[in-house]
Protein backbone atom coordinates (compact mmCIF):
# COMPACT_ATOMS: atom_id res chain seq x y z
CA UNK A 1 0.00 0.00 0.00
CA UNK A 2 1.19 3.48 -0.94
CA UNK A 3 -0.35 6.91 -1.40
CA UNK A 4 -1.24 7.03 -5.08
CA UNK A 5 0.38 9.75 -7.22
CA UNK A 6 2.18 11.32 -4.26
CA UNK A 7 5.45 11.38 -6.15
CA UNK A 8 6.34 11.76 -9.80
CA UNK A 9 8.84 9.21 -11.15
CA UNK A 10 9.64 11.51 -14.07
CA UNK A 11 10.64 14.83 -12.45
CA UNK A 12 12.87 16.06 -9.66
CA UNK A 13 11.50 17.88 -6.65
CA UNK A 14 12.77 21.20 -8.04
CA UNK A 15 11.03 20.67 -11.38
CA UNK A 16 7.84 19.58 -9.64
CA UNK A 17 7.96 22.72 -7.50
CA UNK A 18 8.16 24.92 -10.62
CA UNK A 19 5.35 22.97 -12.26
CA UNK A 20 3.23 23.30 -9.16
CA UNK A 21 3.91 27.03 -8.89
CA UNK A 22 2.67 27.51 -12.45
CA UNK A 23 -0.41 25.41 -11.81
CA UNK A 24 -1.18 27.27 -8.60
PDBML (XML) file of the C-alpha atoms, coordinates in Angstrom:
<?xml version="1.0" encoding="UTF-8" ?>
<PDBx:datablock datablockName="MODEL"
   xmlns:PDBx="http://pdbml.pdb.org/schema/pdbx-v50.xsd"
   xmlns:xsi="http://www.w3.org/2001/XMLSchema-instance"
   xsi:schemaLocation="http://pdbml.pdb.org/schema/pdbx-v50.xsd pdbx-v50.xsd">
   <PDBx:atom_siteCategory>
      <PDBx:atom_site id="1">
         <PDBx:B_iso_or_equiv>0.00</PDBx:B_iso_or_equiv>
         <PDBx:Cartn_x>0.000</PDBx:Cartn_x>
         <PDBx:Cartn_y>0.000</PDBx:Cartn_y>
         <PDBx:Cartn_z>0.000</PDBx:Cartn_z>
         <PDBx:auth_asym_id>A</PDBx:auth_asym_id>
         <PDBx:auth_atom_id>CA</PDBx:auth_atom_id>
         <PDBx:auth_comp_id>UNK</PDBx:auth_comp_id>
         <PDBx:auth_seq_id>1</PDBx:auth_seq_id>
         <PDBx:group_PDB>ATOM</PDBx:group_PDB>
         <PDBx:label_alt_id xsi:nil="true" />
         <PDBx:label_asym_id>A</PDBx:label_asym_id>
         <PDBx:label_atom_id>CA</PDBx:label_atom_id>
         <PDBx:label_comp_id>UNK</PDBx:label_comp_id>
         <PDBx:label_entity_id>1</PDBx:label_entity_id>
         <PDBx:label_seq_id>1</PDBx:label_seq_id>
         <PDBx:occupancy>1.00</PDBx:occupancy>
         <PDBx:pdbx_PDB_model_num>1</PDBx:pdbx_PDB_model_num>
         <PDBx:type_symbol>C</PDBx:type_symbol>
      </PDBx:atom_site>
      <PDBx:atom_site id="2">
         <PDBx:B_iso_or_equiv>0.00</PDBx:B_iso_or_equiv>
         <PDBx:Cartn_x>1.189</PDBx:Cartn_x>
         <PDBx:Cartn_y>3.481</PDBx:Cartn_y>
         <PDBx:Cartn_z>-0.937</PDBx:Cartn_z>
         <PDBx:auth_asym_id>A</PDBx:auth_asym_id>
         <PDBx:auth_atom_id>CA</PDBx:auth_atom_id>
         <PDBx:auth_comp_id>UNK</PDBx:auth_comp_id>
         <PDBx:auth_seq_id>2</PDBx:auth_seq_id>
         <PDBx:group_PDB>ATOM</PDBx:group_PDB>
         <PDBx:label_alt_id xsi:nil="true" />
         <PDBx:label_asym_id>A</PDBx:label_asym_id>
         <PDBx:label_atom_id>CA</PDBx:label_atom_id>
         <PDBx:label_comp_id>UNK</PDBx:label_comp_id>
         <PDBx:label_entity_id>1</PDBx:label_entity_id>
         <PDBx:label_seq_id>2</PDBx:label_seq_id>
         <PDBx:occupancy>1.00</PDBx:occupancy>
         <PDBx:pdbx_PDB_model_num>1</PDBx:pdbx_PDB_model_num>
         <PDBx:type_symbol>C</PDBx:type_symbol>
      </PDBx:atom_site>
      <PDBx:atom_site id="3">
         <PDBx:B_iso_or_equiv>0.00</PDBx:B_iso_or_equiv>
         <PDBx:Cartn_x>-0.352</PDBx:Cartn_x>
         <PDBx:Cartn_y>6.909</PDBx:Cartn_y>
         <PDBx:Cartn_z>-1.399</PDBx:Cartn_z>
         <PDBx:auth_asym_id>A</PDBx:auth_asym_id>
         <PDBx:auth_atom_id>CA</PDBx:auth_atom_id>
         <PDBx:auth_comp_id>UNK</PDBx:auth_comp_id>
         <PDBx:auth_seq_id>3</PDBx:auth_seq_id>
         <PDBx:group_PDB>ATOM</PDBx:group_PDB>
         <PDBx:label_alt_id xsi:nil="true" />
         <PDBx:label_asym_id>A</PDBx:label_asym_id>
         <PDBx:label_atom_id>CA</PDBx:label_atom_id>
         <PDBx:label_comp_id>UNK</PDBx:label_comp_id>
         <PDBx:label_entity_id>1</PDBx:label_entity_id>
         <PDBx:label_seq_id>3</PDBx:label_seq_id>
         <PDBx:occupancy>1.00</PDBx:occupancy>
         <PDBx:pdbx_PDB_model_num>1</PDBx:pdbx_PDB_model_num>
         <PDBx:type_symbol>C</PDBx:type_symbol>
      </PDBx:atom_site>
      <PDBx:atom_site id="4">
         <PDBx:B_iso_or_equiv>0.00</PDBx:B_iso_or_equiv>
         <PDBx:Cartn_x>-1.239</PDBx:Cartn_x>
         <PDBx:Cartn_y>7.026</PDBx:Cartn_y>
         <PDBx:Cartn_z>-5.080</PDBx:Cartn_z>
         <PDBx:auth_asym_id>A</PDBx:auth_asym_id>
         <PDBx:auth_atom_id>CA</PDBx:auth_atom_id>
         <PDBx:auth_comp_id>UNK</PDBx:auth_comp_id>
         <PDBx:auth_seq_id>4</PDBx:auth_seq_id>
         <PDBx:group_PDB>ATOM</PDBx:group_PDB>
         <PDBx:label_alt_id xsi:nil="true" />
         <PDBx:label_asym_id>A</PDBx:label_asym_id>
         <PDBx:label_atom_id>CA</PDBx:label_atom_id>
         <PDBx:label_comp_id>UNK</PDBx:label_comp_id>
         <PDBx:label_entity_id>1</PDBx:label_entity_id>
         <PDBx:label_seq_id>4</PDBx:label_seq_id>
         <PDBx:occupancy>1.00</PDBx:occupancy>
         <PDBx:pdbx_PDB_model_num>1</PDBx:pdbx_PDB_model_num>
         <PDBx:type_symbol>C</PDBx:type_symbol>
      </PDBx:atom_site>
      <PDBx:atom_site id="5">
         <PDBx:B_iso_or_equiv>0.00</PDBx:B_iso_or_equiv>
         <PDBx:Cartn_x>0.381</PDBx:Cartn_x>
         <PDBx:Cartn_y>9.746</PDBx:Cartn_y>
         <PDBx:Cartn_z>-7.218</PDBx:Cartn_z>
         <PDBx:auth_asym_id>A</PDBx:auth_asym_id>
         <PDBx:auth_atom_id>CA</PDBx:auth_atom_id>
         <PDBx:auth_comp_id>UNK</PDBx:auth_comp_id>
         <PDBx:auth_seq_id>5</PDBx:auth_seq_id>
         <PDBx:group_PDB>ATOM</PDBx:group_PDB>
         <PDBx:label_alt_id xsi:nil="true" />
         <PDBx:label_asym_id>A</PDBx:label_asym_id>
         <PDBx:label_atom_id>CA</PDBx:label_atom_id>
         <PDBx:label_comp_id>UNK</PDBx:label_comp_id>
         <PDBx:label_entity_id>1</PDBx:label_entity_id>
         <PDBx:label_seq_id>5</PDBx:label_seq_id>
         <PDBx:occupancy>1.00</PDBx:occupancy>
         <PDBx:pdbx_PDB_model_num>1</PDBx:pdbx_PDB_model_num>
         <PDBx:type_symbol>C</PDBx:type_symbol>
      </PDBx:atom_site>
      <PDBx:atom_site id="6">
         <PDBx:B_iso_or_equiv>0.00</PDBx:B_iso_or_equiv>
         <PDBx:Cartn_x>2.176</PDBx:Cartn_x>
         <PDBx:Cartn_y>11.321</PDBx:Cartn_y>
         <PDBx:Cartn_z>-4.258</PDBx:Cartn_z>
         <PDBx:auth_asym_id>A</PDBx:auth_asym_id>
         <PDBx:auth_atom_id>CA</PDBx:auth_atom_id>
         <PDBx:auth_comp_id>UNK</PDBx:auth_comp_id>
         <PDBx:auth_seq_id>6</PDBx:auth_seq_id>
         <PDBx:group_PDB>ATOM</PDBx:group_PDB>
         <PDBx:label_alt_id xsi:nil="true" />
         <PDBx:label_asym_id>A</PDBx:label_asym_id>
         <PDBx:label_atom_id>CA</PDBx:label_atom_id>
         <PDBx:label_comp_id>UNK</PDBx:label_comp_id>
         <PDBx:label_entity_id>1</PDBx:label_entity_id>
         <PDBx:label_seq_id>6</PDBx:label_seq_id>
         <PDBx:occupancy>1.00</PDBx:occupancy>
         <PDBx:pdbx_PDB_model_num>1</PDBx:pdbx_PDB_model_num>
         <PDBx:type_symbol>C</PDBx:type_symbol>
      </PDBx:atom_site>
      <PDBx:atom_site id="7">
         <PDBx:B_iso_or_equiv>0.00</PDBx:B_iso_or_equiv>
         <PDBx:Cartn_x>5.455</PDBx:Cartn_x>
         <PDBx:Cartn_y>11.383</PDBx:Cartn_y>
         <PDBx:Cartn_z>-6.154</PDBx:Cartn_z>
         <PDBx:auth_asym_id>A</PDBx:auth_asym_id>
         <PDBx:auth_atom_id>CA</PDBx:auth_atom_id>
         <PDBx:auth_comp_id>UNK</PDBx:auth_comp_id>
         <PDBx:auth_seq_id>7</PDBx:auth_seq_id>
         <PDBx:group_PDB>ATOM</PDBx:group_PDB>
         <PDBx:label_alt_id xsi:nil="true" />
         <PDBx:label_asym_id>A</PDBx:label_asym_id>
         <PDBx:label_atom_id>CA</PDBx:label_atom_id>
         <PDBx:label_comp_id>UNK</PDBx:label_comp_id>
         <PDBx:label_entity_id>1</PDBx:label_entity_id>
         <PDBx:label_seq_id>7</PDBx:label_seq_id>
         <PDBx:occupancy>1.00</PDBx:occupancy>
         <PDBx:pdbx_PDB_model_num>1</PDBx:pdbx_PDB_model_num>
         <PDBx:type_symbol>C</PDBx:type_symbol>
      </PDBx:atom_site>
      <PDBx:atom_site id="8">
         <PDBx:B_iso_or_equiv>0.00</PDBx:B_iso_or_equiv>
         <PDBx:Cartn_x>6.336</PDBx:Cartn_x>
         <PDBx:Cartn_y>11.763</PDBx:Cartn_y>
         <PDBx:Cartn_z>-9.805</PDBx:Cartn_z>
         <PDBx:auth_asym_id>A</PDBx:auth_asym_id>
         <PDBx:auth_atom_id>CA</PDBx:auth_atom_id>
         <PDBx:auth_comp_id>UNK</PDBx:auth_comp_id>
         <PDBx:auth_seq_id>8</PDBx:auth_seq_id>
         <PDBx:group_PDB>ATOM</PDBx:group_PDB>
         <PDBx:label_alt_id xsi:nil="true" />
         <PDBx:label_asym_id>A</PDBx:label_asym_id>
         <PDBx:label_atom_id>CA</PDBx:label_atom_id>
         <PDBx:label_comp_id>UNK</PDBx:label_comp_id>
         <PDBx:label_entity_id>1</PDBx:label_entity_id>
         <PDBx:label_seq_id>8</PDBx:label_seq_id>
         <PDBx:occupancy>1.00</PDBx:occupancy>
         <PDBx:pdbx_PDB_model_num>1</PDBx:pdbx_PDB_model_num>
         <PDBx:type_symbol>C</PDBx:type_symbol>
      </PDBx:atom_site>
      <PDBx:atom_site id="9">
         <PDBx:B_iso_or_equiv>0.00</PDBx:B_iso_or_equiv>
         <PDBx:Cartn_x>8.843</PDBx:Cartn_x>
         <PDBx:Cartn_y>9.212</PDBx:Cartn_y>
         <PDBx:Cartn_z>-11.145</PDBx:Cartn_z>
         <PDBx:auth_asym_id>A</PDBx:auth_asym_id>
         <PDBx:auth_atom_id>CA</PDBx:auth_atom_id>
         <PDBx:auth_comp_id>UNK</PDBx:auth_comp_id>
         <PDBx:auth_seq_id>9</PDBx:auth_seq_id>
         <PDBx:group_PDB>ATOM</PDBx:group_PDB>
         <PDBx:label_alt_id xsi:nil="true" />
         <PDBx:label_asym_id>A</PDBx:label_asym_id>
         <PDBx:label_atom_id>CA</PDBx:label_atom_id>
         <PDBx:label_comp_id>UNK</PDBx:label_comp_id>
         <PDBx:label_entity_id>1</PDBx:label_entity_id>
         <PDBx:label_seq_id>9</PDBx:label_seq_id>
         <PDBx:occupancy>1.00</PDBx:occupancy>
         <PDBx:pdbx_PDB_model_num>1</PDBx:pdbx_PDB_model_num>
         <PDBx:type_symbol>C</PDBx:type_symbol>
      </PDBx:atom_site>
      <PDBx:atom_site id="10">
         <PDBx:B_iso_or_equiv>0.00</PDBx:B_iso_or_equiv>
         <PDBx:Cartn_x>9.643</PDBx:Cartn_x>
         <PDBx:Cartn_y>11.514</PDBx:Cartn_y>
         <PDBx:Cartn_z>-14.070</PDBx:Cartn_z>
         <PDBx:auth_asym_id>A</PDBx:auth_asym_id>
         <PDBx:auth_atom_id>CA</PDBx:auth_atom_id>
         <PDBx:auth_comp_id>UNK</PDBx:auth_comp_id>
         <PDBx:auth_seq_id>10</PDBx:auth_seq_id>
         <PDBx:group_PDB>ATOM</PDBx:group_PDB>
         <PDBx:label_alt_id xsi:nil="true" />
         <PDBx:label_asym_id>A</PDBx:label_asym_id>
         <PDBx:label_atom_id>CA</PDBx:label_atom_id>
         <PDBx:label_comp_id>UNK</PDBx:label_comp_id>
         <PDBx:label_entity_id>1</PDBx:label_entity_id>
         <PDBx:label_seq_id>10</PDBx:label_seq_id>
         <PDBx:occupancy>1.00</PDBx:occupancy>
         <PDBx:pdbx_PDB_model_num>1</PDBx:pdbx_PDB_model_num>
         <PDBx:type_symbol>C</PDBx:type_symbol>
      </PDBx:atom_site>
      <PDBx:atom_site id="11">
         <PDBx:B_iso_or_equiv>0.00</PDBx:B_iso_or_equiv>
         <PDBx:Cartn_x>10.639</PDBx:Cartn_x>
         <PDBx:Cartn_y>14.833</PDBx:Cartn_y>
         <PDBx:Cartn_z>-12.453</PDBx:Cartn_z>
         <PDBx:auth_asym_id>A</PDBx:auth_asym_id>
         <PDBx:auth_atom_id>CA</PDBx:auth_atom_id>
         <PDBx:auth_comp_id>UNK</PDBx:auth_comp_id>
         <PDBx:auth_seq_id>11</PDBx:auth_seq_id>
         <PDBx:group_PDB>ATOM</PDBx:group_PDB>
         <PDBx:label_alt_id xsi:nil="true" />
         <PDBx:label_asym_id>A</PDBx:label_asym_id>
         <PDBx:label_atom_id>CA</PDBx:label_atom_id>
         <PDBx:label_comp_id>UNK</PDBx:label_comp_id>
         <PDBx:label_entity_id>1</PDBx:label_entity_id>
         <PDBx:label_seq_id>11</PDBx:label_seq_id>
         <PDBx:occupancy>1.00</PDBx:occupancy>
         <PDBx:pdbx_PDB_model_num>1</PDBx:pdbx_PDB_model_num>
         <PDBx:type_symbol>C</PDBx:type_symbol>
      </PDBx:atom_site>
      <PDBx:atom_site id="12">
         <PDBx:B_iso_or_equiv>0.00</PDBx:B_iso_or_equiv>
         <PDBx:Cartn_x>12.871</PDBx:Cartn_x>
         <PDBx:Cartn_y>16.055</PDBx:Cartn_y>
         <PDBx:Cartn_z>-9.663</PDBx:Cartn_z>
         <PDBx:auth_asym_id>A</PDBx:auth_asym_id>
         <PDBx:auth_atom_id>CA</PDBx:auth_atom_id>
         <PDBx:auth_comp_id>UNK</PDBx:auth_comp_id>
         <PDBx:auth_seq_id>12</PDBx:auth_seq_id>
         <PDBx:group_PDB>ATOM</PDBx:group_PDB>
         <PDBx:label_alt_id xsi:nil="true" />
         <PDBx:label_asym_id>A</PDBx:label_asym_id>
         <PDBx:label_atom_id>CA</PDBx:label_atom_id>
         <PDBx:label_comp_id>UNK</PDBx:label_comp_id>
         <PDBx:label_entity_id>1</PDBx:label_entity_id>
         <PDBx:label_seq_id>12</PDBx:label_seq_id>
         <PDBx:occupancy>1.00</PDBx:occupancy>
         <PDBx:pdbx_PDB_model_num>1</PDBx:pdbx_PDB_model_num>
         <PDBx:type_symbol>C</PDBx:type_symbol>
      </PDBx:atom_site>
      <PDBx:atom_site id="13">
         <PDBx:B_iso_or_equiv>0.00</PDBx:B_iso_or_equiv>
         <PDBx:Cartn_x>11.503</PDBx:Cartn_x>
         <PDBx:Cartn_y>17.882</PDBx:Cartn_y>
         <PDBx:Cartn_z>-6.647</PDBx:Cartn_z>
         <PDBx:auth_asym_id>A</PDBx:auth_asym_id>
         <PDBx:auth_atom_id>CA</PDBx:auth_atom_id>
         <PDBx:auth_comp_id>UNK</PDBx:auth_comp_id>
         <PDBx:auth_seq_id>13</PDBx:auth_seq_id>
         <PDBx:group_PDB>ATOM</PDBx:group_PDB>
         <PDBx:label_alt_id xsi:nil="true" />
         <PDBx:label_asym_id>A</PDBx:label_asym_id>
         <PDBx:label_atom_id>CA</PDBx:label_atom_id>
         <PDBx:label_comp_id>UNK</PDBx:label_comp_id>
         <PDBx:label_entity_id>1</PDBx:label_entity_id>
         <PDBx:label_seq_id>13</PDBx:label_seq_id>
         <PDBx:occupancy>1.00</PDBx:occupancy>
         <PDBx:pdbx_PDB_model_num>1</PDBx:pdbx_PDB_model_num>
         <PDBx:type_symbol>C</PDBx:type_symbol>
      </PDBx:atom_site>
      <PDBx:atom_site id="14">
         <PDBx:B_iso_or_equiv>0.00</PDBx:B_iso_or_equiv>
         <PDBx:Cartn_x>12.774</PDBx:Cartn_x>
         <PDBx:Cartn_y>21.195</PDBx:Cartn_y>
         <PDBx:Cartn_z>-8.039</PDBx:Cartn_z>
         <PDBx:auth_asym_id>A</PDBx:auth_asym_id>
         <PDBx:auth_atom_id>CA</PDBx:auth_atom_id>
         <PDBx:auth_comp_id>UNK</PDBx:auth_comp_id>
         <PDBx:auth_seq_id>14</PDBx:auth_seq_id>
         <PDBx:group_PDB>ATOM</PDBx:group_PDB>
         <PDBx:label_alt_id xsi:nil="true" />
         <PDBx:label_asym_id>A</PDBx:label_asym_id>
         <PDBx:label_atom_id>CA</PDBx:label_atom_id>
         <PDBx:label_comp_id>UNK</PDBx:label_comp_id>
         <PDBx:label_entity_id>1</PDBx:label_entity_id>
         <PDBx:label_seq_id>14</PDBx:label_seq_id>
         <PDBx:occupancy>1.00</PDBx:occupancy>
         <PDBx:pdbx_PDB_model_num>1</PDBx:pdbx_PDB_model_num>
         <PDBx:type_symbol>C</PDBx:type_symbol>
      </PDBx:atom_site>
      <PDBx:atom_site id="15">
         <PDBx:B_iso_or_equiv>0.00</PDBx:B_iso_or_equiv>
         <PDBx:Cartn_x>11.035</PDBx:Cartn_x>
         <PDBx:Cartn_y>20.667</PDBx:Cartn_y>
         <PDBx:Cartn_z>-11.382</PDBx:Cartn_z>
         <PDBx:auth_asym_id>A</PDBx:auth_asym_id>
         <PDBx:auth_atom_id>CA</PDBx:auth_atom_id>
         <PDBx:auth_comp_id>UNK</PDBx:auth_comp_id>
         <PDBx:auth_seq_id>15</PDBx:auth_seq_id>
         <PDBx:group_PDB>ATOM</PDBx:group_PDB>
         <PDBx:label_alt_id xsi:nil="true" />
         <PDBx:label_asym_id>A</PDBx:label_asym_id>
         <PDBx:label_atom_id>CA</PDBx:label_atom_id>
         <PDBx:label_comp_id>UNK</PDBx:label_comp_id>
         <PDBx:label_entity_id>1</PDBx:label_entity_id>
         <PDBx:label_seq_id>15</PDBx:label_seq_id>
         <PDBx:occupancy>1.00</PDBx:occupancy>
         <PDBx:pdbx_PDB_model_num>1</PDBx:pdbx_PDB_model_num>
         <PDBx:type_symbol>C</PDBx:type_symbol>
      </PDBx:atom_site>
      <PDBx:atom_site id="16">
         <PDBx:B_iso_or_equiv>0.00</PDBx:B_iso_or_equiv>
         <PDBx:Cartn_x>7.839</PDBx:Cartn_x>
         <PDBx:Cartn_y>19.581</PDBx:Cartn_y>
         <PDBx:Cartn_z>-9.638</PDBx:Cartn_z>
         <PDBx:auth_asym_id>A</PDBx:auth_asym_id>
         <PDBx:auth_atom_id>CA</PDBx:auth_atom_id>
         <PDBx:auth_comp_id>UNK</PDBx:auth_comp_id>
         <PDBx:auth_seq_id>16</PDBx:auth_seq_id>
         <PDBx:group_PDB>ATOM</PDBx:group_PDB>
         <PDBx:label_alt_id xsi:nil="true" />
         <PDBx:label_asym_id>A</PDBx:label_asym_id>
         <PDBx:label_atom_id>CA</PDBx:label_atom_id>
         <PDBx:label_comp_id>UNK</PDBx:label_comp_id>
         <PDBx:label_entity_id>1</PDBx:label_entity_id>
         <PDBx:label_seq_id>16</PDBx:label_seq_id>
         <PDBx:occupancy>1.00</PDBx:occupancy>
         <PDBx:pdbx_PDB_model_num>1</PDBx:pdbx_PDB_model_num>
         <PDBx:type_symbol>C</PDBx:type_symbol>
      </PDBx:atom_site>
      <PDBx:atom_site id="17">
         <PDBx:B_iso_or_equiv>0.00</PDBx:B_iso_or_equiv>
         <PDBx:Cartn_x>7.959</PDBx:Cartn_x>
         <PDBx:Cartn_y>22.724</PDBx:Cartn_y>
         <PDBx:Cartn_z>-7.504</PDBx:Cartn_z>
         <PDBx:auth_asym_id>A</PDBx:auth_asym_id>
         <PDBx:auth_atom_id>CA</PDBx:auth_atom_id>
         <PDBx:auth_comp_id>UNK</PDBx:auth_comp_id>
         <PDBx:auth_seq_id>17</PDBx:auth_seq_id>
         <PDBx:group_PDB>ATOM</PDBx:group_PDB>
         <PDBx:label_alt_id xsi:nil="true" />
         <PDBx:label_asym_id>A</PDBx:label_asym_id>
         <PDBx:label_atom_id>CA</PDBx:label_atom_id>
         <PDBx:label_comp_id>UNK</PDBx:label_comp_id>
         <PDBx:label_entity_id>1</PDBx:label_entity_id>
         <PDBx:label_seq_id>17</PDBx:label_seq_id>
         <PDBx:occupancy>1.00</PDBx:occupancy>
         <PDBx:pdbx_PDB_model_num>1</PDBx:pdbx_PDB_model_num>
         <PDBx:type_symbol>C</PDBx:type_symbol>
      </PDBx:atom_site>
      <PDBx:atom_site id="18">
         <PDBx:B_iso_or_equiv>0.00</PDBx:B_iso_or_equiv>
         <PDBx:Cartn_x>8.162</PDBx:Cartn_x>
         <PDBx:Cartn_y>24.918</PDBx:Cartn_y>
         <PDBx:Cartn_z>-10.623</PDBx:Cartn_z>
         <PDBx:auth_asym_id>A</PDBx:auth_asym_id>
         <PDBx:auth_atom_id>CA</PDBx:auth_atom_id>
         <PDBx:auth_comp_id>UNK</PDBx:auth_comp_id>
         <PDBx:auth_seq_id>18</PDBx:auth_seq_id>
         <PDBx:group_PDB>ATOM</PDBx:group_PDB>
         <PDBx:label_alt_id xsi:nil="true" />
         <PDBx:label_asym_id>A</PDBx:label_asym_id>
         <PDBx:label_atom_id>CA</PDBx:label_atom_id>
         <PDBx:label_comp_id>UNK</PDBx:label_comp_id>
         <PDBx:label_entity_id>1</PDBx:label_entity_id>
         <PDBx:label_seq_id>18</PDBx:label_seq_id>
         <PDBx:occupancy>1.00</PDBx:occupancy>
         <PDBx:pdbx_PDB_model_num>1</PDBx:pdbx_PDB_model_num>
         <PDBx:type_symbol>C</PDBx:type_symbol>
      </PDBx:atom_site>
      <PDBx:atom_site id="19">
         <PDBx:B_iso_or_equiv>0.00</PDBx:B_iso_or_equiv>
         <PDBx:Cartn_x>5.349</PDBx:Cartn_x>
         <PDBx:Cartn_y>22.969</PDBx:Cartn_y>
         <PDBx:Cartn_z>-12.262</PDBx:Cartn_z>
         <PDBx:auth_asym_id>A</PDBx:auth_asym_id>
         <PDBx:auth_atom_id>CA</PDBx:auth_atom_id>
         <PDBx:auth_comp_id>UNK</PDBx:auth_comp_id>
         <PDBx:auth_seq_id>19</PDBx:auth_seq_id>
         <PDBx:group_PDB>ATOM</PDBx:group_PDB>
         <PDBx:label_alt_id xsi:nil="true" />
         <PDBx:label_asym_id>A</PDBx:label_asym_id>
         <PDBx:label_atom_id>CA</PDBx:label_atom_id>
         <PDBx:label_comp_id>UNK</PDBx:label_comp_id>
         <PDBx:label_entity_id>1</PDBx:label_entity_id>
         <PDBx:label_seq_id>19</PDBx:label_seq_id>
         <PDBx:occupancy>1.00</PDBx:occupancy>
         <PDBx:pdbx_PDB_model_num>1</PDBx:pdbx_PDB_model_num>
         <PDBx:type_symbol>C</PDBx:type_symbol>
      </PDBx:atom_site>
      <PDBx:atom_site id="20">
         <PDBx:B_iso_or_equiv>0.00</PDBx:B_iso_or_equiv>
         <PDBx:Cartn_x>3.229</PDBx:Cartn_x>
         <PDBx:Cartn_y>23.301</PDBx:Cartn_y>
         <PDBx:Cartn_z>-9.158</PDBx:Cartn_z>
         <PDBx:auth_asym_id>A</PDBx:auth_asym_id>
         <PDBx:auth_atom_id>CA</PDBx:auth_atom_id>
         <PDBx:auth_comp_id>UNK</PDBx:auth_comp_id>
         <PDBx:auth_seq_id>20</PDBx:auth_seq_id>
         <PDBx:group_PDB>ATOM</PDBx:group_PDB>
         <PDBx:label_alt_id xsi:nil="true" />
         <PDBx:label_asym_id>A</PDBx:label_asym_id>
         <PDBx:label_atom_id>CA</PDBx:label_atom_id>
         <PDBx:label_comp_id>UNK</PDBx:label_comp_id>
         <PDBx:label_entity_id>1</PDBx:label_entity_id>
         <PDBx:label_seq_id>20</PDBx:label_seq_id>
         <PDBx:occupancy>1.00</PDBx:occupancy>
         <PDBx:pdbx_PDB_model_num>1</PDBx:pdbx_PDB_model_num>
         <PDBx:type_symbol>C</PDBx:type_symbol>
      </PDBx:atom_site>
      <PDBx:atom_site id="21">
         <PDBx:B_iso_or_equiv>0.00</PDBx:B_iso_or_equiv>
         <PDBx:Cartn_x>3.910</PDBx:Cartn_x>
         <PDBx:Cartn_y>27.031</PDBx:Cartn_y>
         <PDBx:Cartn_z>-8.888</PDBx:Cartn_z>
         <PDBx:auth_asym_id>A</PDBx:auth_asym_id>
         <PDBx:auth_atom_id>CA</PDBx:auth_atom_id>
         <PDBx:auth_comp_id>UNK</PDBx:auth_comp_id>
         <PDBx:auth_seq_id>21</PDBx:auth_seq_id>
         <PDBx:group_PDB>ATOM</PDBx:group_PDB>
         <PDBx:label_alt_id xsi:nil="true" />
         <PDBx:label_asym_id>A</PDBx:label_asym_id>
         <PDBx:label_atom_id>CA</PDBx:label_atom_id>
         <PDBx:label_comp_id>UNK</PDBx:label_comp_id>
         <PDBx:label_entity_id>1</PDBx:label_entity_id>
         <PDBx:label_seq_id>21</PDBx:label_seq_id>
         <PDBx:occupancy>1.00</PDBx:occupancy>
         <PDBx:pdbx_PDB_model_num>1</PDBx:pdbx_PDB_model_num>
         <PDBx:type_symbol>C</PDBx:type_symbol>
      </PDBx:atom_site>
      <PDBx:atom_site id="22">
         <PDBx:B_iso_or_equiv>0.00</PDBx:B_iso_or_equiv>
         <PDBx:Cartn_x>2.672</PDBx:Cartn_x>
         <PDBx:Cartn_y>27.515</PDBx:Cartn_y>
         <PDBx:Cartn_z>-12.453</PDBx:Cartn_z>
         <PDBx:auth_asym_id>A</PDBx:auth_asym_id>
         <PDBx:auth_atom_id>CA</PDBx:auth_atom_id>
         <PDBx:auth_comp_id>UNK</PDBx:auth_comp_id>
         <PDBx:auth_seq_id>22</PDBx:auth_seq_id>
         <PDBx:group_PDB>ATOM</PDBx:group_PDB>
         <PDBx:label_alt_id xsi:nil="true" />
         <PDBx:label_asym_id>A</PDBx:label_asym_id>
         <PDBx:label_atom_id>CA</PDBx:label_atom_id>
         <PDBx:label_comp_id>UNK</PDBx:label_comp_id>
         <PDBx:label_entity_id>1</PDBx:label_entity_id>
         <PDBx:label_seq_id>22</PDBx:label_seq_id>
         <PDBx:occupancy>1.00</PDBx:occupancy>
         <PDBx:pdbx_PDB_model_num>1</PDBx:pdbx_PDB_model_num>
         <PDBx:type_symbol>C</PDBx:type_symbol>
      </PDBx:atom_site>
      <PDBx:atom_site id="23">
         <PDBx:B_iso_or_equiv>0.00</PDBx:B_iso_or_equiv>
         <PDBx:Cartn_x>-0.412</PDBx:Cartn_x>
         <PDBx:Cartn_y>25.409</PDBx:Cartn_y>
         <PDBx:Cartn_z>-11.814</PDBx:Cartn_z>
         <PDBx:auth_asym_id>A</PDBx:auth_asym_id>
         <PDBx:auth_atom_id>CA</PDBx:auth_atom_id>
         <PDBx:auth_comp_id>UNK</PDBx:auth_comp_id>
         <PDBx:auth_seq_id>23</PDBx:auth_seq_id>
         <PDBx:group_PDB>ATOM</PDBx:group_PDB>
         <PDBx:label_alt_id xsi:nil="true" />
         <PDBx:label_asym_id>A</PDBx:label_asym_id>
         <PDBx:label_atom_id>CA</PDBx:label_atom_id>
         <PDBx:label_comp_id>UNK</PDBx:label_comp_id>
         <PDBx:label_entity_id>1</PDBx:label_entity_id>
         <PDBx:label_seq_id>23</PDBx:label_seq_id>
         <PDBx:occupancy>1.00</PDBx:occupancy>
         <PDBx:pdbx_PDB_model_num>1</PDBx:pdbx_PDB_model_num>
         <PDBx:type_symbol>C</PDBx:type_symbol>
      </PDBx:atom_site>
      <PDBx:atom_site id="24">
         <PDBx:B_iso_or_equiv>0.00</PDBx:B_iso_or_equiv>
         <PDBx:Cartn_x>-1.177</PDBx:Cartn_x>
         <PDBx:Cartn_y>27.267</PDBx:Cartn_y>
         <PDBx:Cartn_z>-8.595</PDBx:Cartn_z>
         <PDBx:auth_asym_id>A</PDBx:auth_asym_id>
         <PDBx:auth_atom_id>CA</PDBx:auth_atom_id>
         <PDBx:auth_comp_id>UNK</PDBx:auth_comp_id>
         <PDBx:auth_seq_id>24</PDBx:auth_seq_id>
         <PDBx:group_PDB>ATOM</PDBx:group_PDB>
         <PDBx:label_alt_id xsi:nil="true" />
         <PDBx:label_asym_id>A</PDBx:label_asym_id>
         <PDBx:label_atom_id>CA</PDBx:label_atom_id>
         <PDBx:label_comp_id>UNK</PDBx:label_comp_id>
         <PDBx:label_entity_id>1</PDBx:label_entity_id>
         <PDBx:label_seq_id>24</PDBx:label_seq_id>
         <PDBx:occupancy>1.00</PDBx:occupancy>
         <PDBx:pdbx_PDB_model_num>1</PDBx:pdbx_PDB_model_num>
         <PDBx:type_symbol>C</PDBx:type_symbol>
      </PDBx:atom_site>
   </PDBx:atom_siteCategory>
</PDBx:datablock>
